[in-house]
PDB file of N, CA and C in Angstrom:
ATOM      1  N   MET A   1       0.841  -1.171   0.000  1.00  0.00           N
ATOM      2  CA  MET A   1       0.000   0.000   0.000  1.00  0.00           C
ATOM      3  C   MET A   1       0.880   1.224   0.000  1.00  0.00           C
ATOM      4  N   THR A   2       0.498   2.235  -0.753  1.00  0.00           N
ATOM      5  CA  THR A   2       1.243   3.473  -0.847  1.00  0.00           C
ATOM      6  C   THR A   2       0.410   4.604  -0.270  1.00  0.00           C
ATOM      7  N   TYR A   3       1.020   5.383   0.616  1.00  0.00           N
ATOM      8  CA  TYR A   3       0.325   6.503   1.235  1.00  0.00           C
ATOM      9  C   TYR A   3       0.746   7.801   0.562  1.00  0.00           C
ATOM     10  N   SER A   4      -0.138   8.797   0.600  1.00  0.00           N
ATOM     11  CA  SER A   4       0.190  10.096   0.022  1.00  0.00           C
ATOM     12  C   SER A   4       1.235  10.787   0.888  1.00  0.00           C
ATOM     13  N   GLN A   5       1.905  11.781   0.337  1.00  0.00           N
ATOM     14  CA  GLN A   5       2.966  12.475   1.062  1.00  0.00           C
ATOM     15  C   GLN A   5       2.445  13.231   2.272  1.00  0.00           C
ATOM     16  N   SER A   6       1.173  13.541   2.300  1.00  0.00           N
ATOM     17  CA  SER A   6       0.611  14.260   3.448  1.00  0.00           C
ATOM     18  C   SER A   6       0.252  13.329   4.609  1.00  0.00           C
ATOM     19  N   SER A   7       0.342  12.016   4.385  1.00  0.00           N
ATOM     20  CA  SER A   7       0.006  11.051   5.424  1.00  0.00           C
ATOM     21  C   SER A   7       1.163  10.872   6.401  1.00  0.00           C
ATOM     22  N   ARG A   8       0.856  10.667   7.652  1.00  0.00           N
ATOM     23  CA  ARG A   8       1.914  10.421   8.629  1.00  0.00           C
ATOM     24  C   ARG A   8       2.577   9.061   8.413  1.00  0.00           C
ATOM     25  N   TYR A   9       1.971   8.221   7.605  1.00  0.00           N
ATOM     26  CA  TYR A   9       2.521   6.898   7.302  1.00  0.00           C
ATOM     27  C   TYR A   9       3.339   6.878   6.007  1.00  0.00           C
ATOM     28  N   TYR A  10       3.550   8.037   5.416  1.00  0.00           N
ATOM     29  CA  TYR A  10       4.201   8.115   4.107  1.00  0.00           C
ATOM     30  C   TYR A  10       5.550   7.403   4.069  1.00  0.00           C
ATOM     31  N   LYS A  11       6.395   7.594   5.054  1.00  0.00           N
ATOM     32  CA  LYS A  11       7.736   7.008   5.035  1.00  0.00           C
ATOM     33  C   LYS A  11       7.827   5.681   5.784  1.00  0.00           C
ATOM     34  N   CYS A  12       6.702   5.143   6.206  1.00  0.00           N
ATOM     35  CA  CYS A  12       6.701   3.867   6.919  1.00  0.00           C
ATOM     36  C   CYS A  12       6.832   2.699   5.953  1.00  0.00           C
ATOM     37  N   ASP A  13       7.494   1.666   6.413  1.00  0.00           N
ATOM     38  CA  ASP A  13       7.589   0.446   5.628  1.00  0.00           C
ATOM     39  C   ASP A  13       6.212  -0.207   5.600  1.00  0.00           C
ATOM     40  N   THR A  14       5.706  -0.439   4.430  1.00  0.00           N
ATOM     41  CA  THR A  14       4.357  -1.008   4.305  1.00  0.00           C
ATOM     42  C   THR A  14       4.387  -2.413   3.722  1.00  0.00           C
ATOM     43  N   SER A  15       5.533  -3.064   3.831  1.00  0.00           N
ATOM     44  CA  SER A  15       5.598  -4.426   3.311  1.00  0.00           C
ATOM     45  C   SER A  15       4.691  -5.328   4.125  1.00  0.00           C
ATOM     46  N   ASP A  16       4.088  -6.246   3.470  1.00  0.00           N
ATOM     47  CA  ASP A  16       3.179  -7.176   4.153  1.00  0.00           C
ATOM     48  C   ASP A  16       3.980  -8.357   4.679  1.00  0.00           C
ATOM     49  N   ASP A  17       4.353  -8.287   5.945  1.00  0.00           N
ATOM     50  CA  ASP A  17       5.128  -9.371   6.530  1.00  0.00           C
ATOM     51  C   ASP A  17       4.260 -10.330   7.336  1.00  0.00           C
ATOM     52  N   ILE A  18       2.975 -10.052   7.436  1.00  0.00           N
ATOM     53  CA  ILE A  18       2.065 -10.945   8.138  1.00  0.00           C
ATOM     54  C   ILE A  18       1.348 -11.807   7.108  1.00  0.00           C
ATOM     55  N   PRO A  19       1.452 -13.119   7.216  1.00  0.00           N
ATOM     56  CA  PRO A  19       0.805 -13.987   6.236  1.00  0.00           C
ATOM     57  C   PRO A  19      -0.712 -13.843   6.294  1.00  0.00           C
ATOM     58  N   GLN A  20      -1.353 -14.007   5.163  1.00  0.00           N
ATOM     59  CA  GLN A  20      -2.794 -13.869   5.081  1.00  0.00           C
ATOM     60  C   GLN A  20      -3.527 -15.112   5.571  1.00  0.00           C
ATOM     61  N   HIS A  21      -2.860 -16.251   5.581  1.00  0.00           N
ATOM     62  CA  HIS A  21      -3.501 -17.476   6.057  1.00  0.00           C
ATOM     63  C   HIS A  21      -3.093 -17.735   7.512  1.00  0.00           C
ATOM     64  N   ASN A  22      -3.788 -18.606   8.146  1.00  0.00           N
ATOM     65  CA  ASN A  22      -3.514 -18.928   9.545  1.00  0.00           C
ATOM     66  C   ASN A  22      -2.397 -19.969   9.603  1.00  0.00           C
ATOM     67  N   MET A  23      -1.191 -19.529   9.923  1.00  0.00           N
ATOM     68  CA  MET A  23      -0.033 -20.424   9.921  1.00  0.00           C
ATOM     69  C   MET A  23      -0.175 -21.564  10.923  1.00  0.00           C
ATOM     70  N   LEU A  24      -0.873 -21.325  12.022  1.00  0.00           N
ATOM     71  CA  LEU A  24      -1.002 -22.372  13.025  1.00  0.00           C
ATOM     72  C   LEU A  24      -1.670 -23.617  12.460  1.00  0.00           C
ATOM     73  N   LYS A  25      -2.631 -23.446  11.575  1.00  0.00           N
ATOM     74  CA  LYS A  25      -3.333 -24.598  11.014  1.00  0.00           C
ATOM     75  C   LYS A  25      -2.404 -25.460  10.162  1.00  0.00           C
ATOM     76  N   ASP A  26      -1.415 -24.844   9.550  1.00  0.00           N
ATOM     77  CA  ASP A  26      -0.515 -25.571   8.672  1.00  0.00           C
ATOM     78  C   ASP A  26       0.631 -26.247   9.412  1.00  0.00           C
ATOM     79  N   ASN A  27       0.984 -25.738  10.578  1.00  0.00           N
ATOM     80  CA  ASN A  27       2.214 -26.179  11.234  1.00  0.00           C
ATOM     81  C   ASN A  27       2.022 -27.036  12.476  1.00  0.00           C
ATOM     82  N   TYR A  28       0.800 -27.229  12.930  1.00  0.00           N
ATOM     83  CA  TYR A  28       0.581 -27.930  14.182  1.00  0.00           C
ATOM     84  C   TYR A  28      -0.414 -29.069  14.032  1.00  0.00           C
ATOM     85  N   ASP A  29      -0.167 -30.139  14.778  1.00  0.00           N
ATOM     86  CA  ASP A  29      -1.166 -31.195  14.911  1.00  0.00           C
ATOM     87  C   ASP A  29      -2.183 -30.723  15.937  1.00  0.00           C
ATOM     88  N   TYR A  30      -3.385 -31.244  15.854  1.00  0.00           N
ATOM     89  CA  TYR A  30      -4.408 -30.812  16.781  1.00  0.00           C
ATOM     90  C   TYR A  30      -5.392 -31.942  17.068  1.00  0.00           C
ATOM     91  N   TYR A  31      -6.142 -31.761  18.128  1.00  0.00           N
ATOM     92  CA  TYR A  31      -7.265 -32.629  18.430  1.00  0.00           C
ATOM     93  C   TYR A  31      -8.488 -31.733  18.544  1.00  0.00           C
ATOM     94  N   THR A  32      -9.655 -32.303  18.730  1.00  0.00           N
ATOM     95  CA  THR A  32     -10.861 -31.491  18.806  1.00  0.00           C
ATOM     96  C   THR A  32     -11.522 -31.636  20.167  1.00  0.00           C
ATOM     97  N   THR A  33     -12.253 -30.620  20.545  1.00  0.00           N
ATOM     98  CA  THR A  33     -13.049 -30.645  21.771  1.00  0.00           C
ATOM     99  C   THR A  33     -14.308 -29.835  21.522  1.00  0.00           C
ATOM    100  N   THR A  34     -15.312 -30.096  22.313  1.00  0.00           N
ATOM    101  CA  THR A  34     -16.578 -29.384  22.202  1.00  0.00           C
ATOM    102  C   THR A  34     -16.717 -28.414  23.369  1.00  0.00           C
ATOM    103  N   VAL A  35     -17.201 -27.210  23.077  1.00  0.00           N
ATOM    104  CA  VAL A  35     -17.406 -26.204  24.115  1.00  0.00           C
ATOM    105  C   VAL A  35     -18.575 -26.637  24.998  1.00  0.00           C
ATOM    106  N   ARG A  36     -18.346 -26.650  26.290  1.00  0.00           N
ATOM    107  CA  ARG A  36     -19.383 -27.023  27.253  1.00  0.00           C
ATOM    108  C   ARG A  36     -20.309 -25.842  27.510  1.00  0.00           C
ATOM    109  N   ASP A  37     -21.481 -26.127  28.083  1.00  0.00           N
ATOM    110  CA  ASP A  37     -22.452 -25.072  28.386  1.00  0.00           C
ATOM    111  C   ASP A  37     -21.842 -23.971  29.248  1.00  0.00           C
ATOM    112  N   SER A  38     -21.072 -24.352  30.245  1.00  0.00           N
ATOM    113  CA  SER A  38     -20.481 -23.379  31.168  1.00  0.00           C
ATOM    114  C   SER A  38     -19.345 -22.575  30.537  1.00  0.00           C
ATOM    115  N   GLU A  39     -18.856 -22.988  29.364  1.00  0.00           N
ATOM    116  CA  GLU A  39     -17.732 -22.316  28.711  1.00  0.00           C
ATOM    117  C   GLU A  39     -18.152 -21.430  27.546  1.00  0.00           C
ATOM    118  N   ALA A  40     -19.433 -21.355  27.246  1.00  0.00           N
ATOM    119  CA  ALA A  40     -19.909 -20.566  26.101  1.00  0.00           C
ATOM    120  C   ALA A  40     -19.444 -19.118  26.234  1.00  0.00           C
ATOM    121  N   GLY A  41     -18.795 -18.612  25.195  1.00  0.00           N
ATOM    122  CA  GLY A  41     -18.294 -17.246  25.199  1.00  0.00           C
ATOM    123  C   GLY A  41     -17.053 -17.032  26.042  1.00  0.00           C
ATOM    124  N   ARG A  42     -16.439 -18.084  26.550  1.00  0.00           N
ATOM    125  CA  ARG A  42     -15.288 -17.962  27.443  1.00  0.00           C
ATOM    126  C   ARG A  42     -14.169 -18.907  27.004  1.00  0.00           C
ATOM    127  N   LEU A  43     -13.358 -18.467  26.068  1.00  0.00           N
ATOM    128  CA  LEU A  43     -12.244 -19.298  25.614  1.00  0.00           C
ATOM    129  C   LEU A  43     -11.190 -19.481  26.704  1.00  0.00           C
ATOM    130  N   ASP A  44     -11.146 -18.576  27.677  1.00  0.00           N
ATOM    131  CA  ASP A  44     -10.206 -18.760  28.779  1.00  0.00           C
ATOM    132  C   ASP A  44     -10.551 -20.000  29.593  1.00  0.00           C
ATOM    133  N   LEU A  45     -11.849 -20.311  29.712  1.00  0.00           N
ATOM    134  CA  LEU A  45     -12.251 -21.523  30.424  1.00  0.00           C
ATOM    135  C   LEU A  45     -11.918 -22.780  29.625  1.00  0.00           C
ATOM    136  N   VAL A  46     -12.068 -22.699  28.308  1.00  0.00           N
ATOM    137  CA  VAL A  46     -11.676 -23.828  27.454  1.00  0.00           C
ATOM    138  C   VAL A  46     -10.174 -24.043  27.576  1.00  0.00           C
ATOM    139  N   SER A  47      -9.414 -22.956  27.528  1.00  0.00           N
ATOM    140  CA  SER A  47      -7.963 -23.034  27.664  1.00  0.00           C
ATOM    141  C   SER A  47      -7.574 -23.655  29.001  1.00  0.00           C
ATOM    142  N   TYR A  48      -8.268 -23.279  30.063  1.00  0.00           N
ATOM    143  CA  TYR A  48      -7.960 -23.844  31.380  1.00  0.00           C
ATOM    144  C   TYR A  48      -8.220 -25.347  31.402  1.00  0.00           C
ATOM    145  N   ARG A  49      -9.314 -25.762  30.764  1.00  0.00           N
ATOM    146  CA  ARG A  49      -9.649 -27.189  30.755  1.00  0.00           C
ATOM    147  C   ARG A  49      -8.634 -28.004  29.960  1.00  0.00           C
ATOM    148  N   VAL A  50      -8.209 -27.496  28.797  1.00  0.00           N
ATOM    149  CA  VAL A  50      -7.339 -28.311  27.945  1.00  0.00           C
ATOM    150  C   VAL A  50      -5.848 -28.107  28.194  1.00  0.00           C
ATOM    151  N   TYR A  51      -5.461 -26.904  28.652  1.00  0.00           N
ATOM    152  CA  TYR A  51      -4.043 -26.605  28.877  1.00  0.00           C
ATOM    153  C   TYR A  51      -3.686 -26.395  30.350  1.00  0.00           C
ATOM    154  N   ASN A  52      -4.661 -26.428  31.241  1.00  0.00           N
ATOM    155  CA  ASN A  52      -4.462 -26.168  32.667  1.00  0.00           C
ATOM    156  C   ASN A  52      -3.993 -24.749  32.958  1.00  0.00           C
ATOM    157  N   THR A  53      -4.269 -23.843  32.057  1.00  0.00           N
ATOM    158  CA  THR A  53      -3.998 -22.422  32.255  1.00  0.00           C
ATOM    159  C   THR A  53      -4.927 -21.625  31.341  1.00  0.00           C
ATOM    160  N   PRO A  54      -5.456 -20.501  31.813  1.00  0.00           N
ATOM    161  CA  PRO A  54      -6.360 -19.720  30.978  1.00  0.00           C
ATOM    162  C   PRO A  54      -5.651 -18.809  29.976  1.00  0.00           C
ATOM    163  N   VAL A  55      -4.343 -18.669  30.070  1.00  0.00           N
ATOM    164  CA  VAL A  55      -3.630 -17.681  29.257  1.00  0.00           C
ATOM    165  C   VAL A  55      -3.480 -18.063  27.784  1.00  0.00           C
ATOM    166  N   HIS A  56      -3.749 -19.303  27.442  1.00  0.00           N
ATOM    167  CA  HIS A  56      -3.589 -19.713  26.039  1.00  0.00           C
ATOM    168  C   HIS A  56      -4.886 -19.632  25.241  1.00  0.00           C
ATOM    169  N   TRP A  57      -5.861 -18.864  25.741  1.00  0.00           N
ATOM    170  CA  TRP A  57      -7.133 -18.714  25.036  1.00  0.00           C
ATOM    171  C   TRP A  57      -6.929 -18.154  23.634  1.00  0.00           C
ATOM    172  N   TRP A  58      -5.951 -17.266  23.475  1.00  0.00           N
ATOM    173  CA  TRP A  58      -5.722 -16.627  22.177  1.00  0.00           C
ATOM    174  C   TRP A  58      -5.218 -17.625  21.140  1.00  0.00           C
ATOM    175  N   ILE A  59      -4.520 -18.664  21.575  1.00  0.00           N
ATOM    176  CA  ILE A  59      -4.049 -19.690  20.640  1.00  0.00           C
ATOM    177  C   ILE A  59      -5.245 -20.444  20.075  1.00  0.00           C
ATOM    178  N   ILE A  60      -6.192 -20.768  20.941  1.00  0.00           N
ATOM    179  CA  ILE A  60      -7.411 -21.447  20.490  1.00  0.00           C
ATOM    180  C   ILE A  60      -8.184 -20.547  19.530  1.00  0.00           C
ATOM    181  N   ALA A  61      -8.299 -19.267  19.876  1.00  0.00           N
ATOM    182  CA  ALA A  61      -9.016 -18.323  19.015  1.00  0.00           C
ATOM    183  C   ALA A  61      -8.333 -18.209  17.657  1.00  0.00           C
ATOM    184  N   ARG A  62      -7.041 -18.037  17.643  1.00  0.00           N
ATOM    185  CA  ARG A  62      -6.292 -17.886  16.383  1.00  0.00           C
ATOM    186  C   ARG A  62      -6.376 -19.160  15.544  1.00  0.00           C
ATOM    187  N   PHE A  63      -6.242 -20.290  16.177  1.00  0.00           N
ATOM    188  CA  PHE A  63      -6.248 -21.572  15.470  1.00  0.00           C
ATOM    189  C   PHE A  63      -7.599 -21.848  14.818  1.00  0.00           C
ATOM    190  N   ASN A  64      -8.663 -21.346  15.436  1.00  0.00           N
ATOM    191  CA  ASN A  64     -10.009 -21.565  14.923  1.00  0.00           C
ATOM    192  C   ASN A  64     -10.569 -20.346  14.188  1.00  0.00           C
ATOM    193  N   SER A  65      -9.727 -19.345  13.947  1.00  0.00           N
ATOM    194  CA  SER A  65     -10.121 -18.109  13.260  1.00  0.00           C
ATOM    195  C   SER A  65     -11.312 -17.440  13.939  1.00  0.00           C
ATOM    196  N   ILE A  66     -11.269 -17.372  15.258  1.00  0.00           N
ATOM    197  CA  ILE A  66     -12.328 -16.741  16.037  1.00  0.00           C
ATOM    198  C   ILE A  66     -11.925 -15.303  16.337  1.00  0.00           C
ATOM    199  N   ILE A  67     -12.762 -14.375  15.949  1.00  0.00           N
ATOM    200  CA  ILE A  67     -12.485 -12.963  16.177  1.00  0.00           C
ATOM    201  C   ILE A  67     -13.038 -12.513  17.521  1.00  0.00           C
ATOM    202  N   SER A  68     -14.201 -13.013  17.888  1.00  0.00           N
ATOM    203  CA  SER A  68     -14.845 -12.626  19.138  1.00  0.00           C
ATOM    204  C   SER A  68     -15.206 -13.863  19.942  1.00  0.00           C
ATOM    205  N   ALA A  69     -14.672 -13.956  21.149  1.00  0.00           N
ATOM    206  CA  ALA A  69     -14.944 -15.123  21.993  1.00  0.00           C
ATOM    207  C   ALA A  69     -16.419 -15.226  22.341  1.00  0.00           C
ATOM    208  N   GLU A  70     -17.112 -14.098  22.361  1.00  0.00           N
ATOM    209  CA  GLU A  70     -18.531 -14.106  22.671  1.00  0.00           C
ATOM    210  C   GLU A  70     -19.338 -14.890  21.639  1.00  0.00           C
ATOM    211  N   SER A  71     -18.787 -15.060  20.446  1.00  0.00           N
ATOM    212  CA  SER A  71     -19.509 -15.774  19.393  1.00  0.00           C
ATOM    213  C   SER A  71     -19.409 -17.294  19.533  1.00  0.00           C
ATOM    214  N   VAL A  72     -18.578 -17.762  20.449  1.00  0.00           N
ATOM    215  CA  VAL A  72     -18.411 -19.201  20.655  1.00  0.00           C
ATOM    216  C   VAL A  72     -19.545 -19.716  21.532  1.00  0.00           C
ATOM    217  N   GLN A  73     -20.379 -20.558  20.951  1.00  0.00           N
ATOM    218  CA  GLN A  73     -21.548 -21.058  21.662  1.00  0.00           C
ATOM    219  C   GLN A  73     -21.318 -22.474  22.160  1.00  0.00           C
ATOM    220  N   SER A  74     -22.145 -22.873  23.089  1.00  0.00           N
ATOM    221  CA  SER A  74     -22.101 -24.234  23.609  1.00  0.00           C
ATOM    222  C   SER A  74     -22.300 -25.223  22.467  1.00  0.00           C
ATOM    223  N   GLY A  75     -21.500 -26.279  22.460  1.00  0.00           N
ATOM    224  CA  GLY A  75     -21.592 -27.293  21.420  1.00  0.00           C
ATOM    225  C   GLY A  75     -20.685 -27.042  20.224  1.00  0.00           C
ATOM    226  N   THR A  76     -20.010 -25.885  20.187  1.00  0.00           N
ATOM    227  CA  THR A  76     -19.087 -25.574  19.105  1.00  0.00           C
ATOM    228  C   THR A  76     -17.900 -26.525  19.147  1.00  0.00           C
ATOM    229  N   LEU A  77     -17.543 -27.090  18.018  1.00  0.00           N
ATOM    230  CA  LEU A  77     -16.389 -27.978  17.918  1.00  0.00           C
ATOM    231  C   LEU A  77     -15.154 -27.133  17.641  1.00  0.00           C
ATOM    232  N   LEU A  78     -14.166 -27.214  18.522  1.00  0.00           N
ATOM    233  CA  LEU A  78     -12.935 -26.441  18.386  1.00  0.00           C
ATOM    234  C   LEU A  78     -11.752 -27.353  18.102  1.00  0.00           C
ATOM    235  N   LYS A  79     -10.835 -26.873  17.302  1.00  0.00           N
ATOM    236  CA  LYS A  79      -9.565 -27.551  17.068  1.00  0.00           C
ATOM    237  C   LYS A  79      -8.588 -27.023  18.105  1.00  0.00           C
ATOM    238  N   ILE A  80      -7.925 -27.919  18.814  1.00  0.00           N
ATOM    239  CA  ILE A  80      -7.000 -27.547  19.877  1.00  0.00           C
ATOM    240  C   ILE A  80      -5.589 -28.007  19.486  1.00  0.00           C
ATOM    241  N   PRO A  81      -4.668 -27.059  19.213  1.00  0.00           N
ATOM    242  CA  PRO A  81      -3.317 -27.479  18.844  1.00  0.00           C
ATOM    243  C   PRO A  81      -2.545 -28.013  20.035  1.00  0.00           C
ATOM    244  N   TYR A  82      -1.710 -29.001  19.772  1.00  0.00           N
ATOM    245  CA  TYR A  82      -0.812 -29.505  20.810  1.00  0.00           C
ATOM    246  C   TYR A  82       0.284 -28.468  21.035  1.00  0.00           C
ATOM    247  N   LEU A  83       0.597 -28.182  22.283  1.00  0.00           N
ATOM    248  CA  LEU A  83       1.673 -27.228  22.594  1.00  0.00           C
ATOM    249  C   LEU A  83       2.893 -27.968  23.071  1.00  0.00           C
TER     250      LEU A  83
END
């Protein structure tokens, strides 16, 4: 992307160094789990159940291309990468 000279981003490097596809899906083995009723909208609870820590919720979200954890409903099948 090229910015006009009046833009504050004009001299910034705009190379696309972030891949457009989800690299985690290509590089990791995974298993599946189903979201329980008590975990709906709470990927931190899913992370706690499968990884014994709530901090890896973002890995589950990224691996499943989830933008908003609130959209995860009970019964949703999630792919869980092995760490």
